[in-house]
Amino acid sequence: MDSLRGQGGIQMLLTAEQEAGRIVSAARTAKLARMKQAKDEAEKEMEEYRSRLEEEYQTQISGTEQEAAAKRLEEETDGRIQNLKESSSKVSKEIVKMLIKYVTTTGA
C-alpha cells in the first residue's frame, strides 16, 4: 500500500510540476505581450513627439523666412527711396532754373 501511495504522490508531483510549467509559460507569454504593447505605445508617443517638434521647427523656419523676406524688401525699398531722393536732388536745381526761366520769359 505504501508503494501505491508513493506512486500516487509522485504522480501528483509530476502533475503539479506540469501545471507550474504551464503557469510559468502563460506568465512569460503575458509578459512578452505587455512588453510588446509598451514598446508599441512608446514608439507611437515618440512619433507624435517627433511630429510635433518637426511642426514647431517648420513654423519657426517659415517665420524666420518671412522676417528675412520682409527685411530684404524693406532694405530694397529704402534703397530705391534713397535713389529717388538723389535723382530728384540732382534734377531739382535744373527744374527750378527752367521754371524761373519760363516764368520770367513768358510773363514779360
PDB file of N, CA and C in Angstrom:
ATOM      1  N   MET A   1       0.803  -1.175   0.000  1.00  0.00           N
ATOM      2  CA  MET A   1       0.000   0.000   0.000  1.00  0.00           C
ATOM      3  C   MET A   1       0.859   1.257   0.000  1.00  0.00           C
ATOM      4  N   ASP A   2       2.000   1.174   0.658  1.00  0.00           N
ATOM      5  CA  ASP A   2       2.905   2.311   0.660  1.00  0.00           C
ATOM      6  C   ASP A   2       3.423   2.596  -0.749  1.00  0.00           C
ATOM      7  N   SER A   3       3.624   1.551  -1.534  1.00  0.00           N
ATOM      8  CA  SER A   3       4.125   1.764  -2.887  1.00  0.00           C
ATOM      9  C   SER A   3       3.079   2.450  -3.737  1.00  0.00           C
ATOM     10  N   LEU A   4       1.787   2.162  -3.529  1.00  0.00           N
ATOM     11  CA  LEU A   4       0.739   2.862  -4.264  1.00  0.00           C
ATOM     12  C   LEU A   4       0.672   4.324  -3.855  1.00  0.00           C
ATOM     13  N   ARG A   5       0.823   4.506  -2.558  1.00  0.00           N
ATOM     14  CA  ARG A   5       0.808   5.888  -2.066  1.00  0.00           C
ATOM     15  C   ARG A   5       1.997   6.663  -2.625  1.00  0.00           C
ATOM     16  N   GLY A   6       3.154   6.049  -2.677  1.00  0.00           N
ATOM     17  CA  GLY A   6       4.362   6.679  -3.193  1.00  0.00           C
ATOM     18  C   GLY A   6       4.213   7.018  -4.661  1.00  0.00           C
ATOM     19  N   GLN A   7       3.641   6.090  -5.430  1.00  0.00           N
ATOM     20  CA  GLN A   7       3.436   6.337  -6.851  1.00  0.00           C
ATOM     21  C   GLN A   7       2.387   7.430  -7.055  1.00  0.00           C
ATOM     22  N   GLY A   8       1.365   7.426  -6.229  1.00  0.00           N
ATOM     23  CA  GLY A   8       0.338   8.467  -6.312  1.00  0.00           C
ATOM     24  C   GLY A   8       0.927   9.825  -5.967  1.00  0.00           C
ATOM     25  N   GLY A   9       1.816   9.870  -4.994  1.00  0.00           N
ATOM     26  CA  GLY A   9       2.465  11.122  -4.606  1.00  0.00           C
ATOM     27  C   GLY A   9       3.381  11.629  -5.703  1.00  0.00           C
ATOM     28  N   ILE A  10       4.086  10.675  -6.340  1.00  0.00           N
ATOM     29  CA  ILE A  10       4.975  11.058  -7.440  1.00  0.00           C
ATOM     30  C   ILE A  10       4.141  11.595  -8.605  1.00  0.00           C
ATOM     31  N   GLN A  11       3.035  10.910  -8.874  1.00  0.00           N
ATOM     32  CA  GLN A  11       2.153  11.356  -9.961  1.00  0.00           C
ATOM     33  C   GLN A  11       1.598  12.749  -9.659  1.00  0.00           C
ATOM     34  N   MET A  12       1.237  12.993  -8.416  1.00  0.00           N
ATOM     35  CA  MET A  12       0.731  14.318  -8.034  1.00  0.00           C
ATOM     36  C   MET A  12       1.822  15.375  -8.210  1.00  0.00           C
ATOM     37  N   LEU A  13       3.054  15.014  -7.840  1.00  0.00           N
ATOM     38  CA  LEU A  13       4.163  15.954  -8.005  1.00  0.00           C
ATOM     39  C   LEU A  13       4.416  16.247  -9.484  1.00  0.00           C
ATOM     40  N   LEU A  14       4.358  15.232 -10.337  1.00  0.00           N
ATOM     41  CA  LEU A  14       4.550  15.437 -11.767  1.00  0.00           C
ATOM     42  C   LEU A  14       3.442  16.313 -12.348  1.00  0.00           C
ATOM     43  N   THR A  15       2.219  16.058 -11.919  1.00  0.00           N
ATOM     44  CA  THR A  15       1.085  16.871 -12.375  1.00  0.00           C
ATOM     45  C   THR A  15       1.254  18.310 -11.909  1.00  0.00           C
ATOM     46  N   ALA A  16       1.645  18.487 -10.664  1.00  0.00           N
ATOM     47  CA  ALA A  16       1.857  19.833 -10.120  1.00  0.00           C
ATOM     48  C   ALA A  16       2.992  20.534 -10.873  1.00  0.00           C
ATOM     49  N   GLU A  17       4.053  19.792 -11.219  1.00  0.00           N
ATOM     50  CA  GLU A  17       5.179  20.380 -11.948  1.00  0.00           C
ATOM     51  C   GLU A  17       4.741  20.807 -13.343  1.00  0.00           C
ATOM     52  N   GLN A  18       3.929  19.966 -13.992  1.00  0.00           N
ATOM     53  CA  GLN A  18       3.425  20.324 -15.320  1.00  0.00           C
ATOM     54  C   GLN A  18       2.537  21.568 -15.253  1.00  0.00           C
ATOM     55  N   GLU A  19       1.679  21.590 -14.240  1.00  0.00           N
ATOM     56  CA  GLU A  19       0.799  22.756 -14.061  1.00  0.00           C
ATOM     57  C   GLU A  19       1.624  24.018 -13.800  1.00  0.00           C
ATOM     58  N   ALA A  20       2.650  23.902 -12.971  1.00  0.00           N
ATOM     59  CA  ALA A  20       3.528  25.040 -12.693  1.00  0.00           C
ATOM     60  C   ALA A  20       4.217  25.496 -13.971  1.00  0.00           C
ATOM     61  N   GLY A  21       4.632  24.548 -14.809  1.00  0.00           N
ATOM     62  CA  GLY A  21       5.256  24.885 -16.096  1.00  0.00           C
ATOM     63  C   GLY A  21       4.312  25.649 -16.994  1.00  0.00           C
ATOM     64  N   ARG A  22       3.042  25.217 -17.028  1.00  0.00           N
ATOM     65  CA  ARG A  22       2.039  25.915 -17.838  1.00  0.00           C
ATOM     66  C   ARG A  22       1.804  27.324 -17.304  1.00  0.00           C
ATOM     67  N   ILE A  23       1.757  27.463 -15.977  1.00  0.00           N
ATOM     68  CA  ILE A  23       1.544  28.779 -15.366  1.00  0.00           C
ATOM     69  C   ILE A  23       2.714  29.720 -15.695  1.00  0.00           C
ATOM     70  N   VAL A  24       3.940  29.183 -15.560  1.00  0.00           N
ATOM     71  CA  VAL A  24       5.126  29.989 -15.872  1.00  0.00           C
ATOM     72  C   VAL A  24       5.134  30.371 -17.351  1.00  0.00           C
ATOM     73  N   SER A  25       4.799  29.422 -18.215  1.00  0.00           N
ATOM     74  CA  SER A  25       4.760  29.690 -19.650  1.00  0.00           C
ATOM     75  C   SER A  25       3.715  30.759 -19.976  1.00  0.00           C
ATOM     76  N   ALA A  26       2.543  30.648 -19.372  1.00  0.00           N
ATOM     77  CA  ALA A  26       1.494  31.648 -19.590  1.00  0.00           C
ATOM     78  C   ALA A  26       1.936  33.012 -19.085  1.00  0.00           C
ATOM     79  N   ALA A  27       2.620  33.041 -17.947  1.00  0.00           N
ATOM     80  CA  ALA A  27       3.110  34.307 -17.392  1.00  0.00           C
ATOM     81  C   ALA A  27       4.149  34.933 -18.322  1.00  0.00           C
ATOM     82  N   ARG A  28       5.047  34.109 -18.878  1.00  0.00           N
ATOM     83  CA  ARG A  28       6.056  34.623 -19.822  1.00  0.00           C
ATOM     84  C   ARG A  28       5.380  35.192 -21.060  1.00  0.00           C
ATOM     85  N   THR A  29       4.406  34.452 -21.575  1.00  0.00           N
ATOM     86  CA  THR A  29       3.688  34.916 -22.759  1.00  0.00           C
ATOM     87  C   THR A  29       2.991  36.246 -22.482  1.00  0.00           C
ATOM     88  N   ALA A  30       2.339  36.360 -21.330  1.00  0.00           N
ATOM     89  CA  ALA A  30       1.656  37.602 -20.971  1.00  0.00           C
ATOM     90  C   ALA A  30       2.663  38.737 -20.801  1.00  0.00           C
ATOM     91  N   LYS A  31       3.804  38.420 -20.203  1.00  0.00           N
ATOM     92  CA  LYS A  31       4.850  39.438 -20.006  1.00  0.00           C
ATOM     93  C   LYS A  31       5.364  39.946 -21.351  1.00  0.00           C
ATOM     94  N   LEU A  32       5.619  39.028 -22.280  1.00  0.00           N
ATOM     95  CA  LEU A  32       6.091  39.414 -23.605  1.00  0.00           C
ATOM     96  C   LEU A  32       5.049  40.266 -24.332  1.00  0.00           C
ATOM     97  N   ALA A  33       3.776  39.896 -24.173  1.00  0.00           N
ATOM     98  CA  ALA A  33       2.703  40.664 -24.809  1.00  0.00           C
ATOM     99  C   ALA A  33       2.650  42.079 -24.231  1.00  0.00           C
ATOM    100  N   ARG A  34       2.780  42.195 -22.891  1.00  0.00           N
ATOM    101  CA  ARG A  34       2.770  43.523 -22.260  1.00  0.00           C
ATOM    102  C   ARG A  34       3.971  44.347 -22.695  1.00  0.00           C
ATOM    103  N   MET A  35       5.126  43.688 -22.816  1.00  0.00           N
ATOM    104  CA  MET A  35       6.329  44.399 -23.239  1.00  0.00           C
ATOM    105  C   MET A  35       6.194  44.898 -24.677  1.00  0.00           C
ATOM    106  N   LYS A  36       5.614  44.068 -25.547  1.00  0.00           N
ATOM    107  CA  LYS A  36       5.397  44.481 -26.937  1.00  0.00           C
ATOM    108  C   LYS A  36       4.420  45.641 -26.989  1.00  0.00           C
ATOM    109  N   GLN A  37       3.357  45.579 -26.212  1.00  0.00           N
ATOM    110  CA  GLN A  37       2.376  46.647 -26.178  1.00  0.00           C
ATOM    111  C   GLN A  37       3.025  47.946 -25.678  1.00  0.00           C
ATOM    112  N   ALA A  38       3.833  47.852 -24.632  1.00  0.00           N
ATOM    113  CA  ALA A  38       4.517  49.030 -24.092  1.00  0.00           C
ATOM    114  C   ALA A  38       5.471  49.618 -25.128  1.00  0.00           C
ATOM    115  N   LYS A  39       6.175  48.750 -25.844  1.00  0.00           N
ATOM    116  CA  LYS A  39       7.100  49.209 -26.880  1.00  0.00           C
ATOM    117  C   LYS A  39       6.345  49.917 -27.999  1.00  0.00           C
ATOM    118  N   ASP A  40       5.229  49.336 -28.433  1.00  0.00           N
ATOM    119  CA  ASP A  40       4.417  49.952 -29.483  1.00  0.00           C
ATOM    120  C   ASP A  40       3.889  51.320 -29.045  1.00  0.00           C
ATOM    121  N   GLU A  41       3.409  51.404 -27.809  1.00  0.00           N
ATOM    122  CA  GLU A  41       2.905  52.674 -27.297  1.00  0.00           C
ATOM    123  C   GLU A  41       4.023  53.711 -27.205  1.00  0.00           C
ATOM    124  N   ALA A  42       5.214  53.285 -26.776  1.00  0.00           N
ATOM    125  CA  ALA A  42       6.351  54.204 -26.673  1.00  0.00           C
ATOM    126  C   ALA A  42       6.757  54.708 -28.058  1.00  0.00           C
ATOM    127  N   GLU A  43       6.765  53.826 -29.039  1.00  0.00           N
ATOM    128  CA  GLU A  43       7.099  54.242 -30.404  1.00  0.00           C
ATOM    129  C   GLU A  43       6.071  55.224 -30.943  1.00  0.00           C
ATOM    130  N   LYS A  44       4.808  54.983 -30.643  1.00  0.00           N
ATOM    131  CA  LYS A  44       3.750  55.890 -31.092  1.00  0.00           C
ATOM    132  C   LYS A  44       3.935  57.267 -30.450  1.00  0.00           C
ATOM    133  N   GLU A  45       4.206  57.287 -29.144  1.00  0.00           N
ATOM    134  CA  GLU A  45       4.431  58.557 -28.456  1.00  0.00           C
ATOM    135  C   GLU A  45       5.651  59.282 -29.014  1.00  0.00           C
ATOM    136  N   MET A  46       6.713  58.521 -29.301  1.00  0.00           N
ATOM    137  CA  MET A  46       7.910  59.141 -29.870  1.00  0.00           C
ATOM    138  C   MET A  46       7.612  59.749 -31.234  1.00  0.00           C
ATOM    139  N   GLU A  47       6.841  59.053 -32.045  1.00  0.00           N
ATOM    140  CA  GLU A  47       6.498  59.561 -33.372  1.00  0.00           C
ATOM    141  C   GLU A  47       5.646  60.829 -33.263  1.00  0.00           C
ATOM    142  N   GLU A  48       4.687  60.829 -32.336  1.00  0.00           N
ATOM    143  CA  GLU A  48       3.863  62.024 -32.133  1.00  0.00           C
ATOM    144  C   GLU A  48       4.723  63.193 -31.667  1.00  0.00           C
ATOM    145  N   TYR A  49       5.637  62.927 -30.742  1.00  0.00           N
ATOM    146  CA  TYR A  49       6.529  63.970 -30.236  1.00  0.00           C
ATOM    147  C   TYR A  49       7.426  64.493 -31.353  1.00  0.00           C
ATOM    148  N   ARG A  50       7.970  63.576 -32.148  1.00  0.00           N
ATOM    149  CA  ARG A  50       8.828  63.958 -33.270  1.00  0.00           C
ATOM    150  C   ARG A  50       8.045  64.813 -34.266  1.00  0.00           C
ATOM    151  N   SER A  51       6.818  64.428 -34.543  1.00  0.00           N
ATOM    152  CA  SER A  51       5.978  65.194 -35.475  1.00  0.00           C
ATOM    153  C   SER A  51       5.707  66.591 -34.936  1.00  0.00           C
ATOM    154  N   ARG A  52       5.411  66.661 -33.637  1.00  0.00           N
ATOM    155  CA  ARG A  52       5.135  67.966 -33.025  1.00  0.00           C
ATOM    156  C   ARG A  52       6.367  68.871 -33.092  1.00  0.00           C
ATOM    157  N   LEU A  53       7.541  68.299 -32.803  1.00  0.00           N
ATOM    158  CA  LEU A  53       8.779  69.081 -32.872  1.00  0.00           C
ATOM    159  C   LEU A  53       9.069  69.528 -34.301  1.00  0.00           C
ATOM    160  N   GLU A  54       8.828  68.646 -35.254  1.00  0.00           N
ATOM    161  CA  GLU A  54       9.056  68.994 -36.660  1.00  0.00           C
ATOM    162  C   GLU A  54       8.130  70.123 -37.085  1.00  0.00           C
ATOM    163  N   GLU A  55       6.882  70.054 -36.647  1.00  0.00           N
ATOM    164  CA  GLU A  55       5.915  71.102 -36.978  1.00  0.00           C
ATOM    165  C   GLU A  55       6.346  72.441 -36.375  1.00  0.00           C
ATOM    166  N   GLU A  56       6.780  72.422 -35.113  1.00  0.00           N
ATOM    167  CA  GLU A  56       7.255  73.644 -34.469  1.00  0.00           C
ATOM    168  C   GLU A  56       8.478  74.197 -35.203  1.00  0.00           C
ATOM    169  N   TYR A  57       9.370  73.303 -35.596  1.00  0.00           N
ATOM    170  CA  TYR A  57      10.575  73.720 -36.318  1.00  0.00           C
ATOM    171  C   TYR A  57      10.208  74.369 -37.650  1.00  0.00           C
ATOM    172  N   GLN A  58       9.297  73.742 -38.387  1.00  0.00           N
ATOM    173  CA  GLN A  58       8.876  74.296 -39.676  1.00  0.00           C
ATOM    174  C   GLN A  58       8.214  75.659 -39.486  1.00  0.00           C
ATOM    175  N   THR A  59       7.437  75.800 -38.404  1.00  0.00           N
ATOM    176  CA  THR A  59       6.799  77.088 -38.112  1.00  0.00           C
ATOM    177  C   THR A  59       7.854  78.148 -37.840  1.00  0.00           C
ATOM    178  N   GLN A  60       8.875  77.790 -37.067  1.00  0.00           N
ATOM    179  CA  GLN A  60       9.950  78.739 -36.777  1.00  0.00           C
ATOM    180  C   GLN A  60      10.703  79.111 -38.048  1.00  0.00           C
ATOM    181  N   ILE A  61      10.969  78.119 -38.887  1.00  0.00           N
ATOM    182  CA  ILE A  61      11.690  78.393 -40.133  1.00  0.00           C
ATOM    183  C   ILE A  61      10.876  79.319 -41.019  1.00  0.00           C
ATOM    184  N   SER A  62       9.594  79.032 -41.171  1.00  0.00           N
ATOM    185  CA  SER A  62       8.770  79.874 -42.045  1.00  0.00           C
ATOM    186  C   SER A  62       8.675  81.279 -41.473  1.00  0.00           C
ATOM    187  N   GLY A  63       8.605  81.403 -40.147  1.00  0.00           N
ATOM    188  CA  GLY A  63       8.586  82.729 -39.523  1.00  0.00           C
ATOM    189  C   GLY A  63       9.882  83.465 -39.782  1.00  0.00           C
ATOM    190  N   THR A  64      10.997  82.753 -39.694  1.00  0.00           N
ATOM    191  CA  THR A  64      12.306  83.356 -39.952  1.00  0.00           C
ATOM    192  C   THR A  64      12.417  83.749 -41.414  1.00  0.00           C
ATOM    193  N   GLU A  65      11.920  82.902 -42.291  1.00  0.00           N
ATOM    194  CA  GLU A  65      11.956  83.222 -43.719  1.00  0.00           C
ATOM    195  C   GLU A  65      11.103  84.446 -44.023  1.00  0.00           C
ATOM    196  N   GLN A  66       9.945  84.548 -43.396  1.00  0.00           N
ATOM    197  CA  GLN A  66       9.087  85.705 -43.605  1.00  0.00           C
ATOM    198  C   GLN A  66       9.753  86.966 -43.085  1.00  0.00           C
ATOM    199  N   GLU A  67      10.398  86.863 -41.919  1.00  0.00           N
ATOM    200  CA  GLU A  67      11.105  88.013 -41.371  1.00  0.00           C
ATOM    201  C   GLU A  67      12.240  88.435 -42.292  1.00  0.00           C
ATOM    202  N   ALA A  68      12.970  87.457 -42.819  1.00  0.00           N
ATOM    203  CA  ALA A  68      14.077  87.759 -43.722  1.00  0.00           C
ATOM    204  C   ALA A  68      13.560  88.405 -45.000  1.00  0.00           C
ATOM    205  N   ALA A  69      12.459  87.898 -45.528  1.00  0.00           N
ATOM    206  CA  ALA A  69      11.882  88.463 -46.745  1.00  0.00           C
ATOM    207  C   ALA A  69      11.408  89.889 -46.487  1.00  0.00           C
ATOM    208  N   ALA A  70      10.776  90.115 -45.334  1.00  0.00           N
ATOM    209  CA  ALA A  70      10.310  91.459 -45.011  1.00  0.00           C
ATOM    210  C   ALA A  70      11.492  92.412 -44.850  1.00  0.00           C
ATOM    211  N   LYS A  71      12.554  91.957 -44.215  1.00  0.00           N
ATOM    212  CA  LYS A  71      13.744  92.791 -44.030  1.00  0.00           C
ATOM    213  C   LYS A  71      14.376  93.117 -45.381  1.00  0.00           C
ATOM    214  N   ARG A  72      14.485  92.103 -46.240  1.00  0.00           N
ATOM    215  CA  ARG A  72      15.059  92.315 -47.566  1.00  0.00           C
ATOM    216  C   ARG A  72      14.217  93.296 -48.370  1.00  0.00           C
ATOM    217  N   LEU A  73      12.903  93.149 -48.305  1.00  0.00           N
ATOM    218  CA  LEU A  73      12.002  94.056 -49.012  1.00  0.00           C
ATOM    219  C   LEU A  73      12.140  95.479 -48.480  1.00  0.00           C
ATOM    220  N   GLU A  74      12.243  95.600 -47.170  1.00  0.00           N
ATOM    221  CA  GLU A  74      12.416  96.922 -46.564  1.00  0.00           C
ATOM    222  C   GLU A  74      13.734  97.557 -47.011  1.00  0.00           C
ATOM    223  N   GLU A  75      14.798  96.756 -47.047  1.00  0.00           N
ATOM    224  CA  GLU A  75      16.094  97.275 -47.498  1.00  0.00           C
ATOM    225  C   GLU A  75      16.033  97.709 -48.954  1.00  0.00           C
ATOM    226  N   GLU A  76      15.372  96.911 -49.802  1.00  0.00           N
ATOM    227  CA  GLU A  76      15.236  97.273 -51.212  1.00  0.00           C
ATOM    228  C   GLU A  76      14.440  98.566 -51.357  1.00  0.00           C
ATOM    229  N   THR A  77      13.359  98.668 -50.584  1.00  0.00           N
ATOM    230  CA  THR A  77      12.527  99.870 -50.639  1.00  0.00           C
ATOM    231  C   THR A  77      13.312 101.091 -50.183  1.00  0.00           C
ATOM    232  N   ASP A  78      14.051 100.951 -49.086  1.00  0.00           N
ATOM    233  CA  ASP A  78      14.873 102.067 -48.606  1.00  0.00           C
ATOM    234  C   ASP A  78      15.910 102.473 -49.650  1.00  0.00           C
ATOM    235  N   GLY A  79      16.495 101.476 -50.316  1.00  0.00           N
ATOM    236  CA  GLY A  79      17.474 101.768 -51.367  1.00  0.00           C
ATOM    237  C   GLY A  79      16.851 102.515 -52.522  1.00  0.00           C
ATOM    238  N   ARG A  80      15.693 102.103 -52.940  1.00  0.00           N
ATOM    239  CA  ARG A  80      15.002 102.784 -54.049  1.00  0.00           C
ATOM    240  C   ARG A  80      14.604 104.206 -53.655  1.00  0.00           C
ATOM    241  N   ILE A  81      14.133 104.355 -52.429  1.00  0.00           N
ATOM    242  CA  ILE A  81      13.771 105.701 -51.957  1.00  0.00           C
ATOM    243  C   ILE A  81      15.005 106.599 -51.961  1.00  0.00           C
ATOM    244  N   GLN A  82      16.126 106.073 -51.498  1.00  0.00           N
ATOM    245  CA  GLN A  82      17.373 106.845 -51.480  1.00  0.00           C
ATOM    246  C   GLN A  82      17.788 107.222 -52.902  1.00  0.00           C
ATOM    247  N   ASN A  83      17.669 106.283 -53.848  1.00  0.00           N
ATOM    248  CA  ASN A  83      17.996 106.582 -55.246  1.00  0.00           C
ATOM    249  C   ASN A  83      17.099 107.680 -55.804  1.00  0.00           C
ATOM    250  N   LEU A  84      15.806 107.600 -55.484  1.00  0.00           N
ATOM    251  CA  LEU A  84      14.880 108.626 -55.954  1.00  0.00           C
ATOM    252  C   LEU A  84      15.203 109.987 -55.357  1.00  0.00           C
ATOM    253  N   LYS A  85      15.551 110.003 -54.084  1.00  0.00           N
ATOM    254  CA  LYS A  85      15.921 111.277 -53.457  1.00  0.00           C
ATOM    255  C   LYS A  85      17.162 111.865 -54.111  1.00  0.00           C
ATOM    256  N   GLU A  86      18.157 111.023 -54.362  1.00  0.00           N
ATOM    257  CA  GLU A  86      19.382 111.506 -55.010  1.00  0.00           C
ATOM    258  C   GLU A  86      19.099 112.014 -56.412  1.00  0.00           C
ATOM    259  N   SER A  87      18.285 111.267 -57.148  1.00  0.00           N
ATOM    260  CA  SER A  87      17.944 111.685 -58.514  1.00  0.00           C
ATOM    261  C   SER A  87      17.172 112.997 -58.504  1.00  0.00           C
ATOM    262  N   SER A  88      16.220 113.092 -57.594  1.00  0.00           N
ATOM    263  CA  SER A  88      15.420 114.317 -57.554  1.00  0.00           C
ATOM    264  C   SER A  88      16.258 115.508 -57.099  1.00  0.00           C
ATOM    265  N   SER A  89      17.207 115.308 -56.204  1.00  0.00           N
ATOM    266  CA  SER A  89      18.045 116.427 -55.775  1.00  0.00           C
ATOM    267  C   SER A  89      18.953 116.893 -56.908  1.00  0.00           C
ATOM    268  N   LYS A  90      19.404 115.984 -57.773  1.00  0.00           N
ATOM    269  CA  LYS A  90      20.236 116.366 -58.918  1.00  0.00           C
ATOM    270  C   LYS A  90      19.423 117.142 -59.954  1.00  0.00           C
ATOM    271  N   VAL A  91      18.204 116.699 -60.178  1.00  0.00           N
ATOM    272  CA  VAL A  91      17.372 117.279 -61.218  1.00  0.00           C
ATOM    273  C   VAL A  91      16.649 118.536 -60.719  1.00  0.00           C
ATOM    274  N   SER A  92      16.421 118.640 -59.407  1.00  0.00           N
ATOM    275  CA  SER A  92      15.615 119.747 -58.893  1.00  0.00           C
ATOM    276  C   SER A  92      16.226 121.107 -59.188  1.00  0.00           C
ATOM    277  N   LYS A  93      17.545 121.235 -59.168  1.00  0.00           N
ATOM    278  CA  LYS A  93      18.188 122.522 -59.481  1.00  0.00           C
ATOM    279  C   LYS A  93      17.912 122.913 -60.915  1.00  0.00           C
ATOM    280  N   GLU A  94      17.989 121.957 -61.816  1.00  0.00           N
ATOM    281  CA  GLU A  94      17.735 122.235 -63.230  1.00  0.00           C
ATOM    282  C   GLU A  94      16.271 122.600 -63.450  1.00  0.00           C
ATOM    283  N   ILE A  95      15.373 121.906 -62.744  1.00  0.00           N
ATOM    284  CA  ILE A  95      13.944 122.190 -62.891  1.00  0.00           C
ATOM    285  C   ILE A  95      13.633 123.593 -62.377  1.00  0.00           C
ATOM    286  N   VAL A  96      14.224 123.973 -61.250  1.00  0.00           N
ATOM    287  CA  VAL A  96      13.995 125.322 -60.704  1.00  0.00           C
ATOM    288  C   VAL A  96      14.499 126.370 -61.690  1.00  0.00           C
ATOM    289  N   LYS A  97      15.666 126.176 -62.277  1.00  0.00           N
ATOM    290  CA  LYS A  97      16.209 127.111 -63.270  1.00  0.00           C
ATOM    291  C   LYS A  97      15.272 127.218 -64.467  1.00  0.00           C
ATOM    292  N   MET A  98      14.783 126.041 -64.922  1.00  0.00           N
ATOM    293  CA  MET A  98      13.891 126.026 -66.077  1.00  0.00           C
ATOM    294  C   MET A  98      12.585 126.742 -65.754  1.00  0.00           C
ATOM    295  N   LEU A  99      12.049 126.535 -64.568  1.00  0.00           N
ATOM    296  CA  LEU A  99      10.799 127.199 -64.171  1.00  0.00           C
ATOM    297  C   LEU A  99      10.990 128.714 -64.079  1.00  0.00           C
ATOM    298  N   ILE A 100      12.109 129.113 -63.465  1.00  0.00           N
ATOM    299  CA  ILE A 100      12.380 130.546 -63.343  1.00  0.00           C
ATOM    300  C   ILE A 100      12.526 131.163 -64.717  1.00  0.00           C
ATOM    301  N   LYS A 101      13.247 130.499 -65.597  1.00  0.00           N
ATOM    302  CA  LYS A 101      13.422 131.000 -66.960  1.00  0.00           C
ATOM    303  C   LYS A 101      12.077 131.093 -67.679  1.00  0.00           C
ATOM    304  N   TYR A 102      11.264 130.065 -67.513  1.00  0.00           N
ATOM    305  CA  TYR A 102       9.963 130.039 -68.173  1.00  0.00           C
ATOM    306  C   TYR A 102       9.058 131.159 -67.636  1.00  0.00           C
ATOM    307  N   VAL A 103       9.056 131.329 -66.314  1.00  0.00           N
ATOM    308  CA  VAL A 103       8.197 132.342 -65.697  1.00  0.00           C
ATOM    309  C   VAL A 103       8.678 133.730 -66.087  1.00  0.00           C
ATOM    310  N   THR A 104       9.951 133.944 -66.110  1.00  0.00           N
ATOM    311  CA  THR A 104      10.465 135.287 -66.420  1.00  0.00           C
ATOM    312  C   THR A 104      10.358 135.620 -67.892  1.00  0.00           C
ATOM    313  N   THR A 105      10.436 134.656 -68.772  1.00  0.00           N
ATOM    314  CA  THR A 105      10.346 134.944 -70.193  1.00  0.00           C
ATOM    315  C   THR A 105       8.901 134.978 -70.670  1.00  0.00           C
ATOM    316  N   THR A 106       8.027 134.202 -70.107  1.00  0.00           N
ATOM    317  CA  THR A 106       6.645 134.155 -70.556  1.00  0.00           C
ATOM    318  C   THR A 106       5.850 135.318 -69.950  1.00  0.00           C
ATOM    319  N   GLY A 107       6.171 135.677 -68.753  1.00  0.00           N
ATOM    320  CA  GLY A 107       5.409 136.718 -68.078  1.00  0.00           C
ATOM    321  C   GLY A 107       5.719 138.108 -68.609  1.00  0.00           C
ATOM    322  N   ALA A 108       6.790 138.295 -69.326  1.00  0.00           N
ATOM    323  CA  ALA A 108       7.159 139.623 -69.769  1.00  0.00           C
ATOM    324  C   ALA A 108       6.488 140.088 -70.999  1.00  0.00           C
TER     325      ALA A 108
END
